[in-house]
Amino acid sequence: MNTGGFGFSFGPGDDDDDKSRRDQNPFGPFGFGGADGSGGLGDMLSQFGQMLSGMGSSMNSPEGQGPVNYALAERIARQQIGQAPAVRDQDRAAVEEAARLADLWLDDATQMPTAGGRVVAWNADDWLTETMPMWKRLVSPVAEHMNEAQLASLPEEAREMVGPMLQMMNQMSGMNFGMQLGNALGDLAKQALTGSDFGLPVAPTDVTALLPANISAAGKELTVPGQELMVYIAARESARQRLYRHVPWLVERLVSSVEEYAAGLVIDTSHIEEATRELNLESGDPAAIQDAMQRLQGMDLSPRISSRNAQAVSRLET
């Protein structure tokens, strides 16, 4: 994850980090055995069955019926987080002291009064629980309109064939979105420093939240004293909370901009259709087909996703 948005920059991972990521078991998020194959095939099949069973119950739950299977997303995210250590009393006290110092400085540096509300210390599990409601608001319209755009991009004959299977396809799409979201949130929960990283107000209203364990880990990478970094992060977060508190329309405008962008999503596959027509795969000539397959390997055949409401992105960036 690029953490440049926090106001300081983490360098790219070294070769050992890259190797570690390559060596990670791709089935790790689902609780499968280690990369060395420990646990045996029987254990793997047993856990695979448990995973499918969990997916089935997620599909049948109320949260498994919409454009995103949030039950599955949350399960995957929590598996990635693992057993997050509880916040220690001394860390909670350090967060409260850092927020107090930050507010003293901000009182002189800005005309906006304090945001008030609660100052809290979260672990990764708390971050996931407390921010999930806002993630649902941000992600649901994008997933919903993406499904609609994918259906609209199909030829009419294909849409007629898909019709009887639409409910099943929507469920599968919801699972796909849920798995992607779960993996992303699991990663973010282990790296987020505050309740509104990236400027997105995902924390509950009137809550100034810091994640001391993640801040401490970031400080070790930066070789910056932990308390200094804590105060710096607290100042950024407290300033954001003052802005959200005293500019009441801002949060809803951010969310509505995401919704507006999603409503205009368009999937363009015309370049794929044009490329396949030019390949002339129906000729029956083995040499021509082999040449066509080689040309296919060098083509970008991913759909082009855009939005008719691209101005919403400009507002978000501003």
Protein backbone atom coordinates (compact mmCIF):
# COMPACT_ATOMS: atom_id res chain seq x y z
CA MET A 1 0.00 0.00 0.00
CA ASN A 2 1.24 3.47 -0.81
CA THR A 3 1.33 5.37 2.47
CA GLY A 4 2.54 8.65 1.03
CA GLY A 5 -0.85 10.18 1.87
CA PHE A 6 -0.03 10.07 5.57
CA GLY A 7 2.37 12.98 5.17
CA PHE A 8 5.51 10.85 5.17
CA SER A 9 6.80 8.28 2.73
CA PHE A 10 7.63 4.65 3.23
CA GLY A 11 10.26 3.35 0.83
CA PRO A 12 9.53 0.43 -1.49
CA GLY A 13 10.00 -3.03 -0.03
CA ASP A 14 13.39 -4.66 -0.41
CA ASP A 15 14.08 -7.95 -2.14
CA ASP A 16 13.57 -9.94 1.06
CA ASP A 17 10.12 -8.39 1.52
CA ASP A 18 9.24 -9.21 -2.10
CA LYS A 19 10.45 -12.78 -1.63
CA SER A 20 8.43 -13.09 1.56
CA ARG A 21 5.30 -11.99 -0.27
CA ARG A 22 5.97 -14.48 -3.07
CA ASP A 23 6.48 -17.27 -0.55
CA GLN A 24 3.23 -16.58 1.24
CA ASN A 25 0.62 -19.28 0.88
CA PRO A 26 -2.07 -17.93 -1.51
CA PHE A 27 -4.68 -19.82 0.50
CA GLY A 28 -3.55 -18.23 3.77
CA PRO A 29 -6.59 -15.92 4.11
CA PHE A 30 -8.80 -19.01 4.23
CA GLY A 31 -6.79 -20.72 6.97
CA PHE A 32 -5.04 -23.33 4.80
CA GLY A 33 -1.73 -24.91 5.80
CA GLY A 34 1.69 -23.32 5.49
CA ALA A 35 3.69 -22.91 2.31
CA ASP A 36 5.73 -26.00 3.21
CA GLY A 37 2.65 -28.18 2.79
CA SER A 38 2.31 -28.93 6.51
CA GLY A 39 -1.04 -30.17 7.61
CA GLY A 40 -1.49 -32.72 4.82
CA LEU A 41 -3.99 -33.00 2.01
CA GLY A 42 -6.71 -34.21 4.36
CA ASP A 43 -6.48 -31.07 6.49
CA MET A 44 -6.46 -28.90 3.39
CA LEU A 45 -9.58 -30.55 1.97
CA SER A 46 -11.28 -30.31 5.34
CA GLN A 47 -10.56 -26.60 5.61
CA PHE A 48 -11.55 -26.08 1.98
CA GLY A 49 -14.90 -27.63 2.82
CA GLN A 50 -15.24 -25.32 5.81
CA MET A 51 -14.48 -22.35 3.57
CA LEU A 52 -17.18 -23.36 1.08
CA SER A 53 -19.60 -23.94 3.94
CA GLY A 54 -18.83 -20.47 5.26
CA MET A 55 -19.40 -19.00 1.81
CA GLY A 56 -22.73 -20.79 1.58
CA SER A 57 -23.91 -19.38 4.90
CA SER A 58 -22.66 -15.95 3.80
CA MET A 59 -24.70 -16.16 0.59
CA ASN A 60 -27.83 -17.01 2.55
CA SER A 61 -27.35 -14.24 5.10
CA PRO A 62 -29.04 -10.82 4.54
CA GLU A 63 -25.62 -9.29 3.88
CA GLY A 64 -24.95 -11.87 1.17
CA GLN A 65 -27.87 -10.80 -1.02
CA GLY A 66 -26.72 -7.35 -2.16
CA PRO A 67 -24.11 -6.21 -4.70
CA VAL A 68 -21.33 -7.02 -2.18
CA ASN A 69 -21.28 -10.03 0.14
CA TYR A 70 -20.23 -8.10 3.24
CA ALA A 71 -20.46 -11.14 5.51
CA LEU A 72 -17.81 -12.84 3.38
CA ALA A 73 -15.76 -9.62 3.19
CA GLU A 74 -15.70 -9.27 6.96
CA ARG A 75 -14.82 -12.94 7.47
CA ILE A 76 -11.87 -12.72 5.07
CA ALA A 77 -10.69 -9.43 6.56
CA ARG A 78 -10.73 -10.83 10.10
CA GLN A 79 -8.84 -13.93 8.98
CA GLN A 80 -6.17 -11.67 7.50
CA ILE A 81 -5.97 -9.57 10.66
CA GLY A 82 -5.66 -12.63 12.87
CA GLN A 83 -5.58 -12.20 16.63
CA ALA A 84 -5.07 -8.46 17.04
CA PRO A 85 -3.56 -7.68 20.49
CA ALA A 86 -5.83 -5.66 22.76
CA VAL A 87 -4.91 -2.00 23.21
CA ARG A 88 -2.84 -1.59 26.36
CA ASP A 89 -3.75 0.98 28.99
CA GLN A 90 -0.45 2.83 28.49
CA ASP A 91 -1.09 3.04 24.73
CA ARG A 92 -4.57 4.38 25.36
CA ALA A 93 -3.13 7.02 27.70
CA ALA A 94 -0.46 7.91 25.08
CA VAL A 95 -3.14 8.45 22.44
CA GLU A 96 -5.19 10.69 24.73
CA GLU A 97 -2.11 12.73 25.67
CA ALA A 98 -1.05 13.10 22.03
CA ALA A 99 -4.53 14.29 21.06
CA ARG A 100 -4.50 16.81 23.94
CA LEU A 101 -1.15 18.24 22.82
CA ALA A 102 -2.30 18.33 19.21
CA ASP A 103 -5.43 20.27 20.16
CA LEU A 104 -3.37 22.82 22.10
CA TRP A 105 -1.29 23.48 18.99
CA LEU A 106 -4.30 23.51 16.65
CA ASP A 107 -6.11 26.06 18.85
CA ASP A 108 -3.42 28.58 17.85
CA ALA A 109 -2.89 27.34 14.30
CA THR A 110 -6.50 27.35 13.07
CA GLN A 111 -9.67 29.33 13.59
CA MET A 112 -11.78 26.18 13.70
CA PRO A 113 -12.66 25.20 17.27
CA THR A 114 -12.03 21.75 18.65
CA ALA A 115 -14.12 18.89 17.29
CA GLY A 116 -15.00 17.57 20.72
CA GLY A 117 -16.29 14.03 20.80
CA ARG A 118 -14.29 11.00 21.90
CA VAL A 119 -10.59 10.23 21.56
CA VAL A 120 -10.09 6.48 21.21
CA ALA A 121 -7.27 4.00 20.66
CA TRP A 122 -8.06 1.15 18.28
CA ASN A 123 -6.41 -2.07 17.26
CA ALA A 124 -6.82 -3.47 13.74
CA ASP A 125 -9.96 -5.39 14.69
CA ASP A 126 -11.57 -2.25 16.14
CA TRP A 127 -10.74 -0.35 12.96
CA LEU A 128 -12.53 -2.93 10.83
CA THR A 129 -15.61 -3.02 13.06
CA GLU A 130 -15.96 0.73 13.43
CA THR A 131 -15.29 1.72 9.81
CA MET A 132 -17.31 -1.00 8.08
CA PRO A 133 -20.60 0.98 8.00
CA MET A 134 -18.98 3.78 5.99
CA TRP A 135 -17.15 1.34 3.71
CA LYS A 136 -20.55 -0.15 2.89
CA ARG A 137 -21.84 3.29 1.90
CA LEU A 138 -18.82 3.92 -0.30
CA VAL A 139 -18.51 0.49 -1.92
CA SER A 140 -22.15 -0.55 -2.45
CA PRO A 141 -23.02 1.99 -5.18
CA VAL A 142 -19.80 1.23 -7.06
CA ALA A 143 -20.44 -2.54 -7.01
CA GLU A 144 -24.13 -2.14 -7.88
CA HIS A 145 -23.50 0.07 -10.90
CA MET A 146 -20.53 -2.04 -11.97
CA ASN A 147 -22.86 -5.03 -12.21
CA GLU A 148 -25.32 -2.98 -14.24
CA ALA A 149 -22.56 -1.73 -16.54
CA GLN A 150 -21.26 -5.27 -17.09
CA LEU A 151 -24.74 -6.46 -18.05
CA ALA A 152 -25.25 -3.48 -20.35
CA SER A 153 -21.95 -4.19 -22.12
CA LEU A 154 -23.15 -7.64 -23.24
CA PRO A 155 -24.73 -8.13 -26.68
CA GLU A 156 -28.51 -8.39 -26.61
CA GLU A 157 -28.44 -12.13 -27.36
CA ALA A 158 -26.09 -12.72 -24.44
CA ARG A 159 -28.31 -10.68 -22.10
CA GLU A 160 -31.29 -12.87 -23.04
CA MET A 161 -29.28 -16.02 -22.29
CA VAL A 162 -28.09 -14.60 -18.97
CA GLY A 163 -31.60 -13.64 -17.87
CA PRO A 164 -32.61 -16.93 -16.16
CA MET A 165 -29.23 -17.08 -14.36
CA LEU A 166 -29.17 -13.44 -13.30
CA GLN A 167 -29.82 -14.05 -9.60
CA MET A 168 -27.07 -16.66 -9.38
CA MET A 169 -24.67 -14.42 -11.30
CA ASN A 170 -25.45 -11.52 -8.96
CA GLN A 171 -24.67 -13.76 -5.98
CA MET A 172 -21.38 -14.83 -7.55
CA SER A 173 -20.55 -11.21 -8.33
CA GLY A 174 -21.36 -10.28 -4.73
CA MET A 175 -18.98 -12.98 -3.52
CA ASN A 176 -16.28 -11.74 -5.88
CA PHE A 177 -16.64 -8.17 -4.66
CA GLY A 178 -16.76 -9.45 -1.07
CA MET A 179 -13.50 -11.37 -1.45
CA GLN A 180 -11.74 -8.40 -3.02
CA LEU A 181 -13.05 -6.01 -0.37
CA GLY A 182 -12.19 -8.39 2.45
CA ASN A 183 -8.59 -8.74 1.29
CA ALA A 184 -8.26 -4.98 0.85
CA LEU A 185 -9.74 -4.14 4.26
CA GLY A 186 -7.64 -6.82 5.94
CA ASP A 187 -4.51 -5.15 4.55
CA LEU A 188 -5.70 -1.65 5.43
CA ALA A 189 -6.60 -2.63 8.99
CA LYS A 190 -3.01 -3.71 9.61
CA GLN A 191 -1.58 -0.49 8.17
CA ALA A 192 -4.10 2.27 8.95
CA LEU A 193 -2.85 4.88 11.41
CA THR A 194 -6.09 6.76 12.14
CA GLY A 195 -9.83 6.61 11.65
CA SER A 196 -9.74 8.78 8.53
CA ASP A 197 -6.57 7.94 6.63
CA PHE A 198 -6.49 9.16 3.02
CA GLY A 199 -8.91 11.94 4.00
CA LEU A 200 -11.90 9.58 3.82
CA PRO A 201 -14.19 9.96 6.87
CA VAL A 202 -14.67 6.24 7.48
CA ALA A 203 -14.66 6.51 11.30
CA PRO A 204 -17.93 7.23 13.14
CA THR A 205 -18.94 10.86 13.60
CA ASP A 206 -17.24 12.75 16.45
CA VAL A 207 -14.59 10.07 16.98
CA THR A 208 -10.86 10.86 16.84
CA ALA A 209 -9.23 7.44 16.51
CA LEU A 210 -5.55 6.45 16.44
CA LEU A 211 -4.06 2.96 16.09
CA PRO A 212 -1.03 2.93 18.45
CA ALA A 213 0.31 -0.48 17.39
CA ASN A 214 0.35 0.50 13.71
CA ILE A 215 1.85 3.91 14.52
CA SER A 216 4.58 2.24 16.57
CA ALA A 217 5.40 -0.11 13.67
CA ALA A 218 5.55 2.85 11.27
CA GLY A 219 7.87 4.71 13.66
CA LYS A 220 10.32 1.81 13.70
CA GLU A 221 10.50 1.84 9.90
CA LEU A 222 11.07 5.61 9.90
CA THR A 223 13.46 5.60 12.89
CA VAL A 224 11.35 8.36 14.43
CA PRO A 225 10.64 8.42 18.20
CA GLY A 226 7.24 6.87 18.79
CA GLN A 227 5.81 9.74 20.87
CA GLU A 228 6.83 12.35 18.28
CA LEU A 229 5.14 10.40 15.51
CA MET A 230 2.08 9.86 17.71
CA VAL A 231 1.67 13.62 18.24
CA TYR A 232 2.20 14.32 14.54
CA ILE A 233 -0.46 11.76 13.52
CA ALA A 234 -2.79 13.05 16.25
CA ALA A 235 -2.46 16.60 14.90
CA ARG A 236 -3.39 15.49 11.39
CA GLU A 237 -6.35 13.46 12.62
CA SER A 238 -7.60 16.16 15.00
CA ALA A 239 -7.41 18.73 12.19
CA ARG A 240 -9.49 16.48 9.93
CA GLN A 241 -12.06 15.98 12.66
CA ARG A 242 -12.36 19.75 13.18
CA LEU A 243 -12.98 20.12 9.46
CA TYR A 244 -15.62 17.37 9.35
CA ARG A 245 -17.28 18.72 12.51
CA HIS A 246 -17.52 22.37 11.49
CA VAL A 247 -18.09 21.94 7.74
CA PRO A 248 -21.10 19.63 8.11
CA TRP A 249 -21.82 19.23 4.40
CA LEU A 250 -18.32 17.96 3.59
CA VAL A 251 -18.74 14.31 4.59
CA GLU A 252 -21.99 13.88 2.66
CA ARG A 253 -20.46 15.62 -0.34
CA LEU A 254 -17.58 13.15 -0.35
CA VAL A 255 -19.96 10.20 -0.21
CA SER A 256 -22.31 11.64 -2.82
CA SER A 257 -19.37 12.21 -5.18
CA VAL A 258 -18.51 8.51 -4.98
CA GLU A 259 -22.17 7.65 -5.61
CA GLU A 260 -22.33 10.04 -8.56
CA TYR A 261 -19.19 8.57 -10.11
CA ALA A 262 -20.59 5.05 -9.67
CA ALA A 263 -23.92 5.95 -11.26
CA GLY A 264 -22.15 6.87 -14.49
CA LEU A 265 -19.94 3.78 -14.81
CA VAL A 266 -19.48 2.52 -18.37
CA ILE A 267 -17.62 -0.60 -19.51
CA ASP A 268 -16.24 -0.35 -23.04
CA THR A 269 -15.34 -3.64 -24.76
CA SER A 270 -15.35 -2.35 -28.34
CA HIS A 271 -11.54 -2.58 -28.60
CA ILE A 272 -11.72 -6.27 -27.61
CA GLU A 273 -14.37 -6.99 -30.26
CA GLU A 274 -12.35 -5.13 -32.88
CA ALA A 275 -9.18 -7.03 -32.01
CA THR A 276 -10.88 -10.43 -32.21
CA ARG A 277 -12.46 -9.56 -35.58
CA GLU A 278 -9.05 -8.64 -37.01
CA LEU A 279 -7.55 -11.95 -35.86
CA ASN A 280 -9.83 -13.93 -38.21
CA LEU A 281 -9.91 -17.04 -36.02
CA GLU A 282 -12.61 -18.61 -38.21
CA SER A 283 -10.25 -19.15 -41.16
CA GLY A 284 -9.37 -22.70 -40.06
CA ASP A 285 -5.74 -22.22 -41.04
CA PRO A 286 -3.57 -23.65 -38.21
CA ALA A 287 -0.70 -21.28 -38.98
CA ALA A 288 -3.04 -18.27 -38.98
CA ILE A 289 -4.62 -19.38 -35.70
CA GLN A 290 -1.20 -19.83 -34.08
CA ASP A 291 -0.16 -16.38 -35.28
CA ALA A 292 -3.42 -14.95 -33.94
CA MET A 293 -2.86 -16.55 -30.53
CA GLN A 294 0.62 -15.05 -30.35
CA ARG A 295 -0.78 -11.62 -31.18
CA LEU A 296 -3.46 -12.06 -28.51
CA GLN A 297 -0.80 -12.54 -25.83
CA GLY A 298 0.57 -9.07 -26.48
CA MET A 299 -2.79 -7.30 -26.44
CA ASP A 300 -4.48 -5.52 -23.58
CA LEU A 301 -7.86 -7.24 -23.52
CA SER A 302 -9.06 -5.81 -20.23
CA PRO A 303 -12.32 -3.83 -20.43
CA ARG A 304 -12.00 -0.05 -20.28
CA ILE A 305 -13.91 1.32 -17.32
CA SER A 306 -14.90 4.97 -17.25
CA SER A 307 -17.70 7.14 -15.91
CA ARG A 308 -20.00 9.61 -17.58
CA ASN A 309 -19.72 11.60 -14.34
CA ALA A 310 -15.94 12.02 -14.37
CA GLN A 311 -16.27 15.49 -12.80
CA ALA A 312 -17.08 13.73 -9.52
CA VAL A 313 -13.46 12.51 -9.44
CA SER A 314 -12.20 16.08 -9.71
CA ARG A 315 -14.31 17.05 -6.72
CA LEU A 316 -12.96 14.13 -4.69
CA GLU A 317 -9.37 15.06 -5.58
CA THR A 318 -10.00 18.68 -4.61
